Amino acid sequence: MLKAHIKRGDDVVVISGSHKGKEGKILEILPAKYRARVEGVAMVKRHLKKTQESPQGSISEREGSIHISNLMLKSVYDASKRAKAEVSAT
């Protein structure tokens, strides 16, 4: 069982990797791989087959997954950011 510092619905900030600094809400946790899907972050393109609903097929964009070690709760991130600003100001 995955014991994580985040859960579905939390607002998070990406603290590391190619999407560093982006914010979003957690849509899904993937416990088997220790990853999470974050709204609007790590967008990937999916090619969809032809179906009755879309006879031409299509390319849709959806969220990819990010390792949970690269995510931090937005409230904790803001608190640490403020603390660092106060220390550097004095």
Protein backbone atom coordinates (compact mmCIF):
# COMPACT_ATOMS: atom_id res chain seq x y z
CA MET A 1 0.00 0.00 0.00
CA LEU A 2 1.29 3.44 -0.96
CA LYS A 3 1.81 5.90 1.89
CA ALA A 4 1.95 9.28 0.18
CA HIS A 5 2.07 12.88 1.33
CA ILE A 6 -0.57 13.80 -1.26
CA LYS A 7 -4.04 12.56 -2.16
CA ARG A 8 -6.61 13.03 -4.91
CA GLY A 9 -8.02 16.56 -5.02
CA ASP A 10 -5.00 18.26 -3.39
CA ASP A 11 -3.48 21.37 -4.99
CA VAL A 12 0.19 20.67 -5.71
CA VAL A 13 3.28 22.31 -7.22
CA VAL A 14 5.85 20.46 -9.32
CA ILE A 15 9.20 21.05 -7.58
CA SER A 16 11.52 19.15 -9.92
CA GLY A 17 11.82 18.00 -13.52
CA SER A 18 10.86 19.51 -16.85
CA HIS A 19 7.52 20.79 -15.50
CA LYS A 20 9.06 22.56 -12.48
CA GLY A 21 6.94 25.42 -11.13
CA LYS A 22 3.63 24.30 -12.65
CA GLU A 23 0.61 23.98 -10.38
CA GLY A 24 -2.55 21.91 -10.54
CA LYS A 25 -4.99 19.62 -8.80
CA ILE A 26 -4.34 15.89 -8.46
CA LEU A 27 -6.77 13.95 -10.66
CA GLU A 28 -5.55 10.43 -9.92
CA ILE A 29 -2.91 8.55 -7.91
CA LEU A 30 -1.24 5.52 -9.52
CA PRO A 31 -0.01 3.61 -6.43
CA ALA A 32 1.64 0.72 -8.32
CA LYS A 33 4.08 3.13 -9.99
CA TYR A 34 4.27 5.87 -7.28
CA ARG A 35 2.98 8.41 -9.78
CA ALA A 36 0.13 10.92 -10.01
CA ARG A 37 -1.80 12.69 -12.76
CA VAL A 38 -1.95 16.47 -12.23
CA GLU A 39 -4.47 18.68 -14.02
CA GLY A 40 -2.83 20.63 -16.86
CA VAL A 41 0.71 19.28 -16.24
CA ALA A 42 2.74 16.84 -18.40
CA MET A 43 0.28 16.87 -21.29
CA VAL A 44 0.67 14.01 -23.78
CA LYS A 45 -1.04 13.34 -27.09
CA ARG A 46 -3.11 10.18 -27.50
CA HIS A 47 -4.01 8.89 -30.96
CA LEU A 48 -7.56 7.49 -30.97
CA LYS A 49 -8.83 4.88 -33.43
CA LYS A 50 -11.73 5.47 -35.78
CA THR A 51 -15.08 4.79 -34.08
CA GLN A 52 -18.73 5.55 -34.74
CA GLU A 53 -18.48 8.66 -32.54
CA SER A 54 -15.41 9.96 -34.40
CA PRO A 55 -15.29 8.41 -37.89
CA GLN A 56 -12.03 10.22 -38.75
CA GLY A 57 -10.24 9.22 -35.54
CA SER A 58 -8.55 11.96 -33.56
CA ILE A 59 -5.59 13.09 -31.54
CA SER A 60 -6.54 14.08 -28.01
CA GLU A 61 -4.39 15.69 -25.36
CA ARG A 62 -4.49 14.47 -21.76
CA GLU A 63 -2.40 14.51 -18.61
CA GLY A 64 0.60 12.23 -18.27
CA SER A 65 1.88 11.04 -14.91
CA ILE A 66 4.53 12.55 -12.63
CA HIS A 67 6.45 10.77 -9.87
CA ILE A 68 5.06 11.76 -6.47
CA SER A 69 8.53 12.68 -5.17
CA ASN A 70 8.46 15.62 -7.61
CA LEU A 71 5.23 17.03 -6.12
CA MET A 72 4.67 19.22 -3.06
CA LEU A 73 1.45 20.48 -1.50
CA LYS A 74 0.81 24.08 -2.57
CA SER A 75 0.20 25.22 1.01
CA VAL A 76 3.55 23.79 2.17
CA TYR A 77 5.32 25.27 -0.87
CA ASP A 78 3.87 28.74 -0.21
CA ALA A 79 4.82 28.56 3.48
CA SER A 80 8.40 27.58 2.71
CA LYS A 81 8.66 30.25 0.02
CA ARG A 82 7.52 32.92 2.49
CA ALA A 83 9.96 31.70 5.15
CA LYS A 84 12.88 31.86 2.71
CA ALA A 85 11.91 35.41 1.68
CA GLU A 86 11.85 36.57 5.33
CA VAL A 87 15.28 35.07 6.03
CA SER A 88 16.86 36.70 2.96
CA ALA A 89 15.24 40.08 3.77
CA THR A 90 16.93 40.32 7.20
